[in-house]
Amino acid sequence: MPAGQEVRLSLLLCDDDQVFCRVLAAALERRGFAVQVIHDVQSGLDLIEDDPPEYAVVDLNMPGASGLVLVERLNRLDPHTRIVVLTGYASIATAVEAIKLGATHYLAKPADADDVLEALHREQGDASVPLAGRPMSVGRLEWEHIQSVLMACGGNVSAAARSLGMHRRTLQRKLAKRPTRI
């Protein structure tokens, strides 16, 4: 490497929201990362095969395969890759799966570059995090249950609908809505 040239840490940013990617990538580049942006999981799988990044920020809800597929592959290629999963559709089931598959941290959107950096560099959990002051709403409990069943069915909506005892279209309508507040 030529003298005076700084070493930039490699970071893969995988999100289908192109505006969000532009803004986050620019902010992370200002903080010293060499950012590669992709907008679907398959592109990420192709890109990481020969040279996995040191860091990754992966959206969960992507066109085609789930971001969890990319998390799992990144972890298999290099268990030292620091992975943060971002999602606008946070659920307990997907958070647990992301961590089991190798994610370092799980953040709900909206998240900014400082939130992402903090999550990428966290080494341990935080026992001082306050517990929720009230139980989840019925709507949120339903959302969490649906997500759990959907994960157990491997993301297969038809199988999840059968397991939940509801029509597939009904389940698709429920999945298309944003989760209710806690």
N, C-alpha and C. Protein backbone atom coordinates (compact mmCIF):
# COMPACT_ATOMS: atom_id res chain seq x y z
N MET A 1 0.85 -1.17 0.00
CA MET A 1 0.00 0.00 0.00
C MET A 1 0.90 1.23 0.00
N PRO A 2 0.58 2.25 -0.80
CA PRO A 2 1.39 3.46 -0.85
C PRO A 2 1.41 4.17 0.50
N ALA A 3 2.53 4.82 0.80
CA ALA A 3 2.67 5.54 2.06
C ALA A 3 1.61 6.64 2.16
N GLY A 4 1.08 6.81 3.35
CA GLY A 4 0.09 7.86 3.60
C GLY A 4 -1.34 7.47 3.27
N GLN A 5 -1.54 6.32 2.65
CA GLN A 5 -2.90 5.90 2.32
C GLN A 5 -3.48 5.16 3.52
N GLU A 6 -4.67 5.56 3.93
CA GLU A 6 -5.29 4.95 5.10
C GLU A 6 -5.94 3.62 4.75
N VAL A 7 -5.98 2.74 5.73
CA VAL A 7 -6.65 1.45 5.57
C VAL A 7 -8.12 1.66 5.92
N ARG A 8 -9.00 1.31 5.00
CA ARG A 8 -10.43 1.46 5.22
C ARG A 8 -11.03 0.07 5.44
N LEU A 9 -11.86 -0.06 6.45
CA LEU A 9 -12.51 -1.32 6.77
C LEU A 9 -13.63 -1.59 5.78
N SER A 10 -13.71 -2.82 5.29
CA SER A 10 -14.73 -3.15 4.31
C SER A 10 -16.09 -3.36 4.98
N LEU A 11 -17.12 -2.79 4.38
CA LEU A 11 -18.48 -2.91 4.91
C LEU A 11 -19.44 -3.14 3.75
N LEU A 12 -20.26 -4.17 3.88
CA LEU A 12 -21.30 -4.47 2.90
C LEU A 12 -22.62 -3.91 3.42
N LEU A 13 -23.27 -3.10 2.60
CA LEU A 13 -24.58 -2.55 2.95
C LEU A 13 -25.60 -3.13 1.99
N CYS A 14 -26.53 -3.91 2.53
CA CYS A 14 -27.54 -4.59 1.71
C CYS A 14 -28.93 -4.13 2.15
N ASP A 15 -29.55 -3.31 1.31
CA ASP A 15 -30.89 -2.78 1.60
C ASP A 15 -31.53 -2.43 0.28
N ASP A 16 -32.82 -2.70 0.13
CA ASP A 16 -33.50 -2.41 -1.13
C ASP A 16 -33.92 -0.95 -1.25
N ASP A 17 -33.82 -0.17 -0.18
CA ASP A 17 -34.16 1.26 -0.21
C ASP A 17 -32.93 2.02 -0.69
N GLN A 18 -32.94 2.45 -1.95
CA GLN A 18 -31.76 3.05 -2.55
C GLN A 18 -31.41 4.40 -1.94
N VAL A 19 -32.40 5.20 -1.57
CA VAL A 19 -32.12 6.50 -0.96
C VAL A 19 -31.47 6.29 0.42
N PHE A 20 -32.03 5.39 1.21
CA PHE A 20 -31.46 5.07 2.51
C PHE A 20 -30.01 4.60 2.36
N CYS A 21 -29.76 3.75 1.37
CA CYS A 21 -28.39 3.24 1.13
C CYS A 21 -27.43 4.37 0.80
N ARG A 22 -27.85 5.29 -0.07
CA ARG A 22 -26.97 6.40 -0.43
C ARG A 22 -26.58 7.23 0.79
N VAL A 23 -27.57 7.55 1.61
CA VAL A 23 -27.33 8.38 2.79
C VAL A 23 -26.46 7.65 3.81
N LEU A 24 -26.81 6.39 4.12
CA LEU A 24 -26.05 5.63 5.10
C LEU A 24 -24.64 5.33 4.60
N ALA A 25 -24.50 4.97 3.34
CA ALA A 25 -23.18 4.68 2.78
C ALA A 25 -22.27 5.90 2.87
N ALA A 26 -22.80 7.07 2.53
CA ALA A 26 -21.99 8.29 2.60
C ALA A 26 -21.55 8.57 4.03
N ALA A 27 -22.47 8.40 4.98
CA ALA A 27 -22.15 8.64 6.39
C ALA A 27 -21.10 7.64 6.89
N LEU A 28 -21.20 6.39 6.48
CA LEU A 28 -20.23 5.38 6.92
C LEU A 28 -18.87 5.58 6.25
N GLU A 29 -18.89 6.03 5.00
CA GLU A 29 -17.62 6.32 4.32
C GLU A 29 -16.89 7.48 5.00
N ARG A 30 -17.64 8.49 5.45
CA ARG A 30 -17.03 9.60 6.20
C ARG A 30 -16.42 9.12 7.52
N ARG A 31 -16.91 7.98 8.02
CA ARG A 31 -16.40 7.44 9.28
C ARG A 31 -15.32 6.37 9.05
N GLY A 32 -14.82 6.26 7.82
CA GLY A 32 -13.66 5.42 7.56
C GLY A 32 -13.91 4.06 6.94
N PHE A 33 -15.11 3.77 6.49
CA PHE A 33 -15.40 2.48 5.90
C PHE A 33 -15.33 2.54 4.37
N ALA A 34 -14.93 1.44 3.77
CA ALA A 34 -15.04 1.26 2.32
C ALA A 34 -16.34 0.49 2.11
N VAL A 35 -17.38 1.18 1.67
CA VAL A 35 -18.74 0.61 1.61
C VAL A 35 -19.06 0.10 0.21
N GLN A 36 -19.57 -1.13 0.15
CA GLN A 36 -20.12 -1.69 -1.08
C GLN A 36 -21.62 -1.82 -0.85
N VAL A 37 -22.41 -1.28 -1.77
CA VAL A 37 -23.87 -1.27 -1.63
C VAL A 37 -24.48 -2.25 -2.62
N ILE A 38 -25.40 -3.06 -2.13
CA ILE A 38 -26.19 -3.96 -2.97
C ILE A 38 -27.64 -3.84 -2.55
N HIS A 39 -28.54 -4.22 -3.45
CA HIS A 39 -29.96 -4.02 -3.18
C HIS A 39 -30.78 -5.31 -3.15
N ASP A 40 -30.11 -6.46 -3.21
CA ASP A 40 -30.83 -7.73 -3.06
C ASP A 40 -29.86 -8.79 -2.54
N VAL A 41 -30.40 -9.81 -1.94
CA VAL A 41 -29.60 -10.84 -1.28
C VAL A 41 -28.73 -11.61 -2.27
N GLN A 42 -29.26 -11.94 -3.43
CA GLN A 42 -28.48 -12.71 -4.40
C GLN A 42 -27.22 -11.97 -4.81
N SER A 43 -27.31 -10.67 -5.03
CA SER A 43 -26.12 -9.87 -5.36
C SER A 43 -25.11 -9.95 -4.23
N GLY A 44 -25.59 -9.94 -3.01
CA GLY A 44 -24.71 -10.05 -1.85
C GLY A 44 -24.02 -11.40 -1.78
N LEU A 45 -24.78 -12.45 -2.04
CA LEU A 45 -24.20 -13.80 -2.00
C LEU A 45 -23.09 -13.93 -3.05
N ASP A 46 -23.32 -13.37 -4.23
CA ASP A 46 -22.31 -13.41 -5.29
C ASP A 46 -21.07 -12.61 -4.90
N LEU A 47 -21.27 -11.46 -4.28
CA LEU A 47 -20.18 -10.55 -3.95
C LEU A 47 -19.27 -11.07 -2.84
N ILE A 48 -19.84 -11.71 -1.83
CA ILE A 48 -19.07 -12.09 -0.65
C ILE A 48 -18.32 -13.40 -0.79
N GLU A 49 -18.63 -14.17 -1.79
CA GLU A 49 -18.09 -15.53 -1.89
C GLU A 49 -16.57 -15.56 -1.82
N ASP A 50 -15.89 -14.70 -2.55
CA ASP A 50 -14.42 -14.72 -2.58
C ASP A 50 -13.78 -13.81 -1.54
N ASP A 51 -14.49 -12.79 -1.10
CA ASP A 51 -13.90 -11.83 -0.17
C ASP A 51 -14.96 -11.28 0.78
N PRO A 52 -15.25 -12.02 1.86
CA PRO A 52 -16.27 -11.53 2.79
C PRO A 52 -15.81 -10.23 3.46
N PRO A 53 -16.74 -9.30 3.71
CA PRO A 53 -16.38 -8.03 4.33
C PRO A 53 -16.09 -8.20 5.82
N GLU A 54 -15.48 -7.19 6.41
CA GLU A 54 -15.23 -7.20 7.84
C GLU A 54 -16.51 -6.84 8.61
N TYR A 55 -17.36 -6.02 7.95
CA TYR A 55 -18.61 -5.57 8.55
C TYR A 55 -19.73 -5.68 7.53
N ALA A 56 -20.96 -5.87 8.02
CA ALA A 56 -22.12 -5.91 7.13
C ALA A 56 -23.33 -5.32 7.84
N VAL A 57 -24.13 -4.61 7.07
CA VAL A 57 -25.42 -4.09 7.53
C VAL A 57 -26.44 -4.64 6.54
N VAL A 58 -27.36 -5.46 7.04
CA VAL A 58 -28.26 -6.20 6.16
C VAL A 58 -29.71 -5.94 6.55
N ASP A 59 -30.49 -5.50 5.56
CA ASP A 59 -31.93 -5.33 5.78
C ASP A 59 -32.57 -6.71 5.78
N LEU A 60 -33.54 -6.89 6.63
CA LEU A 60 -34.19 -8.19 6.75
C LEU A 60 -35.18 -8.44 5.62
N ASN A 61 -36.02 -7.46 5.33
CA ASN A 61 -37.10 -7.62 4.36
C ASN A 61 -36.63 -7.14 2.99
N MET A 62 -36.24 -8.10 2.15
CA MET A 62 -35.67 -7.79 0.84
C MET A 62 -36.52 -8.45 -0.25
N PRO A 63 -36.43 -7.92 -1.48
CA PRO A 63 -37.11 -8.63 -2.58
C PRO A 63 -36.39 -9.96 -2.80
N GLY A 64 -37.14 -11.00 -3.00
CA GLY A 64 -36.52 -12.32 -3.14
C GLY A 64 -36.24 -12.91 -1.77
N ALA A 65 -35.04 -13.43 -1.61
CA ALA A 65 -34.67 -14.08 -0.34
C ALA A 65 -34.58 -13.07 0.80
N SER A 66 -34.80 -13.55 2.01
CA SER A 66 -34.69 -12.74 3.21
C SER A 66 -33.24 -12.40 3.48
N GLY A 67 -33.01 -11.27 4.14
CA GLY A 67 -31.67 -10.89 4.54
C GLY A 67 -31.03 -11.92 5.46
N LEU A 68 -31.85 -12.76 6.12
CA LEU A 68 -31.30 -13.79 6.99
C LEU A 68 -30.44 -14.79 6.21
N VAL A 69 -30.76 -15.00 4.95
CA VAL A 69 -29.96 -15.91 4.10
C VAL A 69 -28.55 -15.35 3.96
N LEU A 70 -28.45 -14.05 3.76
CA LEU A 70 -27.14 -13.41 3.63
C LEU A 70 -26.38 -13.43 4.96
N VAL A 71 -27.09 -13.21 6.06
CA VAL A 71 -26.47 -13.25 7.39
C VAL A 71 -25.86 -14.63 7.62
N GLU A 72 -26.62 -15.66 7.34
CA GLU A 72 -26.14 -17.03 7.55
C GLU A 72 -24.89 -17.31 6.71
N ARG A 73 -24.91 -16.90 5.45
CA ARG A 73 -23.77 -17.16 4.56
C ARG A 73 -22.54 -16.36 4.99
N LEU A 74 -22.73 -15.10 5.35
CA LEU A 74 -21.62 -14.28 5.84
C LEU A 74 -20.96 -14.94 7.05
N ASN A 75 -21.78 -15.42 7.96
CA ASN A 75 -21.26 -16.05 9.18
C ASN A 75 -20.51 -17.34 8.86
N ARG A 76 -21.00 -18.10 7.90
CA ARG A 76 -20.30 -19.34 7.51
C ARG A 76 -18.96 -19.05 6.85
N LEU A 77 -18.92 -18.02 6.01
CA LEU A 77 -17.68 -17.67 5.32
C LEU A 77 -16.63 -17.11 6.27
N ASP A 78 -17.07 -16.26 7.21
CA ASP A 78 -16.15 -15.66 8.17
C ASP A 78 -16.90 -15.34 9.46
N PRO A 79 -16.77 -16.19 10.47
CA PRO A 79 -17.50 -15.97 11.73
C PRO A 79 -17.10 -14.68 12.46
N HIS A 80 -16.02 -14.03 12.00
CA HIS A 80 -15.59 -12.79 12.63
C HIS A 80 -16.23 -11.54 12.01
N THR A 81 -16.96 -11.72 10.92
CA THR A 81 -17.66 -10.59 10.30
C THR A 81 -18.69 -10.05 11.29
N ARG A 82 -18.66 -8.76 11.50
CA ARG A 82 -19.61 -8.10 12.41
C ARG A 82 -20.83 -7.71 11.59
N ILE A 83 -21.99 -8.28 11.94
CA ILE A 83 -23.20 -8.11 11.14
C ILE A 83 -24.30 -7.46 11.97
N VAL A 84 -24.87 -6.39 11.42
CA VAL A 84 -26.04 -5.75 12.03
C VAL A 84 -27.21 -5.95 11.08
N VAL A 85 -28.30 -6.46 11.61
CA VAL A 85 -29.53 -6.63 10.84
C VAL A 85 -30.42 -5.43 11.13
N LEU A 86 -30.89 -4.79 10.06
CA LEU A 86 -31.81 -3.66 10.15
C LEU A 86 -33.17 -4.09 9.63
N THR A 87 -34.21 -3.62 10.25
CA THR A 87 -35.53 -3.93 9.70
C THR A 87 -36.57 -2.91 10.15
N GLY A 88 -37.50 -2.67 9.26
CA GLY A 88 -38.66 -1.85 9.59
C GLY A 88 -39.79 -2.71 10.14
N TYR A 89 -39.59 -4.01 10.13
CA TYR A 89 -40.61 -4.97 10.57
C TYR A 89 -40.05 -5.81 11.71
N ALA A 90 -39.62 -5.17 12.75
CA ALA A 90 -38.98 -5.86 13.87
C ALA A 90 -39.97 -6.81 14.56
N SER A 91 -39.46 -7.98 14.89
CA SER A 91 -40.23 -8.93 15.69
C SER A 91 -39.25 -9.73 16.53
N ILE A 92 -39.74 -10.28 17.61
CA ILE A 92 -38.89 -11.08 18.49
C ILE A 92 -38.37 -12.30 17.74
N ALA A 93 -39.23 -12.95 16.96
CA ALA A 93 -38.83 -14.16 16.24
C ALA A 93 -37.69 -13.89 15.27
N THR A 94 -37.79 -12.80 14.50
CA THR A 94 -36.72 -12.52 13.54
C THR A 94 -35.45 -12.06 14.24
N ALA A 95 -35.58 -11.35 15.34
CA ALA A 95 -34.38 -10.95 16.10
C ALA A 95 -33.64 -12.17 16.62
N VAL A 96 -34.37 -13.12 17.17
CA VAL A 96 -33.75 -14.34 17.69
C VAL A 96 -33.07 -15.11 16.55
N GLU A 97 -33.75 -15.25 15.43
CA GLU A 97 -33.16 -15.98 14.30
C GLU A 97 -31.91 -15.27 13.77
N ALA A 98 -31.95 -13.95 13.67
CA ALA A 98 -30.80 -13.20 13.18
C ALA A 98 -29.58 -13.44 14.07
N ILE A 99 -29.77 -13.41 15.37
CA ILE A 99 -28.67 -13.62 16.30
C ILE A 99 -28.18 -15.06 16.22
N LYS A 100 -29.10 -16.01 16.14
CA LYS A 100 -28.70 -17.42 16.02
C LYS A 100 -27.89 -17.67 14.75
N LEU A 101 -28.21 -16.94 13.68
CA LEU A 101 -27.52 -17.13 12.41
C LEU A 101 -26.20 -16.37 12.32
N GLY A 102 -25.89 -15.58 13.35
CA GLY A 102 -24.59 -14.93 13.37
C GLY A 102 -24.57 -13.42 13.40
N ALA A 103 -25.73 -12.78 13.45
CA ALA A 103 -25.74 -11.32 13.53
C ALA A 103 -25.18 -10.87 14.88
N THR A 104 -24.47 -9.77 14.86
CA THR A 104 -23.91 -9.18 16.06
C THR A 104 -24.99 -8.41 16.82
N HIS A 105 -25.85 -7.76 16.05
CA HIS A 105 -26.89 -6.93 16.65
C HIS A 105 -28.06 -6.82 15.69
N TYR A 106 -29.19 -6.35 16.20
CA TYR A 106 -30.44 -6.25 15.46
C TYR A 106 -31.03 -4.89 15.78
N LEU A 107 -31.26 -4.06 14.76
CA LEU A 107 -31.80 -2.72 14.97
C LEU A 107 -33.10 -2.53 14.19
N ALA A 108 -34.05 -1.86 14.82
CA ALA A 108 -35.27 -1.49 14.12
C ALA A 108 -35.04 -0.16 13.41
N LYS A 109 -35.58 -0.02 12.21
CA LYS A 109 -35.51 1.26 11.50
C LYS A 109 -36.52 2.20 12.12
N PRO A 110 -36.30 3.46 12.10
CA PRO A 110 -35.17 4.15 11.48
C PRO A 110 -33.94 4.09 12.37
N ALA A 111 -32.79 3.91 11.75
CA ALA A 111 -31.51 3.92 12.47
C ALA A 111 -30.55 4.79 11.66
N ASP A 112 -29.73 5.55 12.35
CA ASP A 112 -28.76 6.38 11.63
C ASP A 112 -27.37 5.76 11.73
N ALA A 113 -26.39 6.42 11.12
CA ALA A 113 -25.03 5.88 11.08
C ALA A 113 -24.46 5.68 12.47
N ASP A 114 -24.76 6.57 13.41
CA ASP A 114 -24.25 6.42 14.77
C ASP A 114 -24.83 5.18 15.45
N ASP A 115 -26.13 4.93 15.24
CA ASP A 115 -26.76 3.72 15.78
C ASP A 115 -26.11 2.47 15.20
N VAL A 116 -25.86 2.48 13.89
CA VAL A 116 -25.25 1.33 13.22
C VAL A 116 -23.84 1.10 13.73
N LEU A 117 -23.06 2.17 13.85
CA LEU A 117 -21.68 2.03 14.34
C LEU A 117 -21.65 1.48 15.76
N GLU A 118 -22.53 1.99 16.61
CA GLU A 118 -22.59 1.50 17.98
C GLU A 118 -22.92 0.00 17.99
N ALA A 119 -23.87 -0.40 17.17
CA ALA A 119 -24.26 -1.81 17.11
C ALA A 119 -23.13 -2.68 16.55
N LEU A 120 -22.42 -2.19 15.55
CA LEU A 120 -21.32 -2.96 14.97
C LEU A 120 -20.20 -3.21 15.97
N HIS A 121 -20.02 -2.28 16.89
CA HIS A 121 -18.89 -2.38 17.82
C HIS A 121 -19.27 -2.90 19.21
N ARG A 122 -20.53 -3.22 19.39
CA ARG A 122 -20.93 -3.77 20.70
C ARG A 122 -20.42 -5.17 20.85
N GLU A 123 -19.78 -5.43 21.97
CA GLU A 123 -19.22 -6.75 22.22
C GLU A 123 -20.14 -7.63 23.07
N GLN A 124 -20.96 -7.00 23.91
CA GLN A 124 -21.79 -7.75 24.83
C GLN A 124 -23.17 -7.12 24.92
N GLY A 125 -24.06 -7.85 25.55
CA GLY A 125 -25.38 -7.32 25.82
C GLY A 125 -25.32 -6.30 26.95
N ASP A 126 -26.42 -5.64 27.19
CA ASP A 126 -26.48 -4.61 28.22
C ASP A 126 -27.57 -4.97 29.22
N ALA A 127 -27.14 -5.42 30.40
CA ALA A 127 -28.09 -5.85 31.43
C ALA A 127 -28.86 -4.68 32.03
N SER A 128 -28.43 -3.45 31.76
CA SER A 128 -29.11 -2.29 32.33
C SER A 128 -30.23 -1.77 31.44
N VAL A 129 -30.48 -2.42 30.31
CA VAL A 129 -31.55 -1.99 29.42
C VAL A 129 -32.87 -2.11 30.19
N PRO A 130 -33.65 -1.02 30.22
CA PRO A 130 -34.90 -1.09 30.98
C PRO A 130 -35.90 -2.05 30.36
N LEU A 131 -36.62 -2.74 31.22
CA LEU A 131 -37.67 -3.65 30.76
C LEU A 131 -38.89 -2.83 30.38
N ALA A 132 -39.68 -3.36 29.46
CA ALA A 132 -40.90 -2.66 29.04
C ALA A 132 -41.80 -2.43 30.24
N GLY A 133 -42.38 -1.24 30.28
CA GLY A 133 -43.22 -0.87 31.41
C GLY A 133 -44.60 -1.48 31.38
N ARG A 134 -45.01 -1.95 30.23
CA ARG A 134 -46.34 -2.56 30.12
C ARG A 134 -46.29 -3.72 29.15
N PRO A 135 -47.23 -4.64 29.26
CA PRO A 135 -47.24 -5.79 28.36
C PRO A 135 -47.55 -5.36 26.92
N MET A 136 -47.23 -6.25 25.97
CA MET A 136 -47.52 -5.97 24.57
C MET A 136 -49.02 -5.88 24.34
N SER A 137 -49.40 -5.07 23.35
CA SER A 137 -50.80 -4.98 22.97
C SER A 137 -51.22 -6.29 22.30
N VAL A 138 -52.52 -6.51 22.22
CA VAL A 138 -53.04 -7.72 21.58
C VAL A 138 -52.61 -7.75 20.11
N GLY A 139 -52.66 -6.60 19.44
CA GLY A 139 -52.23 -6.54 18.04
C GLY A 139 -50.77 -6.91 17.88
N ARG A 140 -49.93 -6.43 18.79
CA ARG A 140 -48.50 -6.75 18.72
C ARG A 140 -48.26 -8.23 19.02
N LEU A 141 -49.00 -8.78 19.99
CA LEU A 141 -48.88 -10.21 20.29
C LEU A 141 -49.25 -11.04 19.07
N GLU A 142 -50.31 -10.63 18.36
CA GLU A 142 -50.71 -11.35 17.16
C GLU A 142 -49.58 -11.28 16.11
N TRP A 143 -49.01 -10.08 15.91
CA TRP A 143 -47.92 -9.91 14.96
C TRP A 143 -46.74 -10.82 15.31
N GLU A 144 -46.36 -10.84 16.58
CA GLU A 144 -45.24 -11.67 17.03
C GLU A 144 -45.52 -13.15 16.79
N HIS A 145 -46.75 -13.57 17.09
CA HIS A 145 -47.12 -14.98 16.89
C HIS A 145 -47.06 -15.35 15.40
N ILE A 146 -47.61 -14.49 14.56
CA ILE A 146 -47.58 -14.74 13.12
C ILE A 146 -46.13 -14.84 12.63
N GLN A 147 -45.27 -13.93 13.09
CA GLN A 147 -43.86 -13.97 12.68
C GLN A 147 -43.18 -15.26 13.13
N SER A 148 -43.49 -15.69 14.33
CA SER A 148 -42.91 -16.92 14.86
C SER A 148 -43.33 -18.13 14.04
N VAL A 149 -44.61 -18.21 13.72
CA VAL A 149 -45.13 -19.33 12.92
C VAL A 149 -44.55 -19.27 11.51
N LEU A 150 -44.47 -18.07 10.94
CA LEU A 150 -43.90 -17.91 9.61
C LEU A 150 -42.44 -18.37 9.57
N MET A 151 -41.67 -18.03 10.60
CA MET A 151 -40.27 -18.47 10.67
C MET A 151 -40.20 -19.99 10.79
N ALA A 152 -41.09 -20.57 11.61
CA ALA A 152 -41.11 -22.03 11.79
C ALA A 152 -41.46 -22.74 10.49
N CYS A 153 -42.19 -22.06 9.62
CA CYS A 153 -42.58 -22.63 8.33
C CYS A 153 -41.59 -22.25 7.22
N GLY A 154 -40.45 -21.75 7.60
CA GLY A 154 -39.42 -21.41 6.62
C GLY A 154 -39.81 -20.27 5.69
N GLY A 155 -40.69 -19.38 6.16
CA GLY A 155 -41.11 -18.26 5.33
C GLY A 155 -42.22 -18.60 4.34
N ASN A 156 -42.71 -19.82 4.36
CA ASN A 156 -43.76 -20.27 3.45
C ASN A 156 -45.11 -19.76 3.96
N VAL A 157 -45.68 -18.79 3.25
CA VAL A 157 -46.93 -18.16 3.68
C VAL A 157 -48.09 -19.16 3.68
N SER A 158 -48.16 -20.01 2.68
CA SER A 158 -49.26 -20.99 2.61
C SER A 158 -49.20 -21.95 3.80
N ALA A 159 -48.00 -22.45 4.10
CA ALA A 159 -47.85 -23.37 5.23
C ALA A 159 -48.16 -22.67 6.55
N ALA A 160 -47.72 -21.43 6.68
CA ALA A 160 -48.00 -20.67 7.91
C ALA A 160 -49.50 -20.43 8.06
N ALA A 161 -50.18 -20.11 6.96
CA ALA A 161 -51.63 -19.89 7.01
C ALA A 161 -52.35 -21.16 7.46
N ARG A 162 -51.94 -22.31 6.91
CA ARG A 162 -52.54 -23.58 7.34
C ARG A 162 -52.30 -23.80 8.83
N SER A 163 -51.08 -23.55 9.27
CA SER A 163 -50.74 -23.76 10.68
C SER A 163 -51.52 -22.83 11.60
N LEU A 164 -51.78 -21.62 11.14
CA LEU A 164 -52.53 -20.64 11.93
C LEU A 164 -54.04 -20.82 11.80
N GLY A 165 -54.47 -21.66 10.87
CA GLY A 165 -55.90 -21.88 10.67
C GLY A 165 -56.59 -20.70 10.02
N MET A 166 -55.89 -20.01 9.12
CA MET A 166 -56.51 -18.88 8.43
C MET A 166 -56.26 -18.99 6.93
N HIS A 167 -57.04 -18.26 6.18
CA HIS A 167 -56.89 -18.25 4.73
C HIS A 167 -55.58 -17.57 4.37
N ARG A 168 -54.92 -18.05 3.31
CA ARG A 168 -53.64 -17.50 2.88
C ARG A 168 -53.73 -16.01 2.58
N ARG A 169 -54.80 -15.58 1.92
CA ARG A 169 -54.95 -14.14 1.58
C ARG A 169 -55.08 -13.29 2.84
N THR A 170 -55.77 -13.82 3.83
CA THR A 170 -55.90 -13.10 5.10
C THR A 170 -54.52 -12.90 5.72
N LEU A 171 -53.73 -13.96 5.72
CA LEU A 171 -52.39 -13.86 6.28
C LEU A 171 -51.54 -12.88 5.46
N GLN A 172 -51.66 -12.93 4.15
CA GLN A 172 -50.90 -11.99 3.31
C GLN A 172 -51.27 -10.54 3.62
N ARG A 173 -52.56 -10.28 3.84
CA ARG A 173 -52.99 -8.91 4.20
C ARG A 173 -52.38 -8.49 5.54
N LYS A 174 -52.39 -9.41 6.50
CA LYS A 174 -51.81 -9.10 7.82
C LYS A 174 -50.31 -8.85 7.70
N LEU A 175 -49.62 -9.61 6.87
CA LEU A 175 -48.18 -9.44 6.69
C LEU A 175 -47.84 -8.15 5.96
N ALA A 176 -48.75 -7.68 5.12
CA ALA A 176 -48.49 -6.46 4.36
C ALA A 176 -48.60 -5.21 5.25
N LYS A 177 -49.29 -5.33 6.37
CA LYS A 177 -49.43 -4.20 7.29
C LYS A 177 -48.18 -4.07 8.15
N ARG A 178 -47.94 -2.89 8.61
CA ARG A 178 -46.82 -2.67 9.54
C ARG A 178 -47.22 -3.25 10.89
N PRO A 179 -46.24 -3.72 11.65
CA PRO A 179 -46.59 -4.25 12.98
C PRO A 179 -47.15 -3.15 13.87
N THR A 180 -48.04 -3.53 14.74
CA THR A 180 -48.59 -2.56 15.68
C THR A 180 -47.55 -2.23 16.73
N ARG A 181 -47.72 -1.10 17.37
CA ARG A 181 -46.81 -0.68 18.43
C ARG A 181 -46.90 -1.64 19.61
N ILE A 182 -45.85 -1.69 20.36
CA ILE A 182 -45.79 -2.59 21.52
C ILE A 182 -46.75 -2.18 22.59
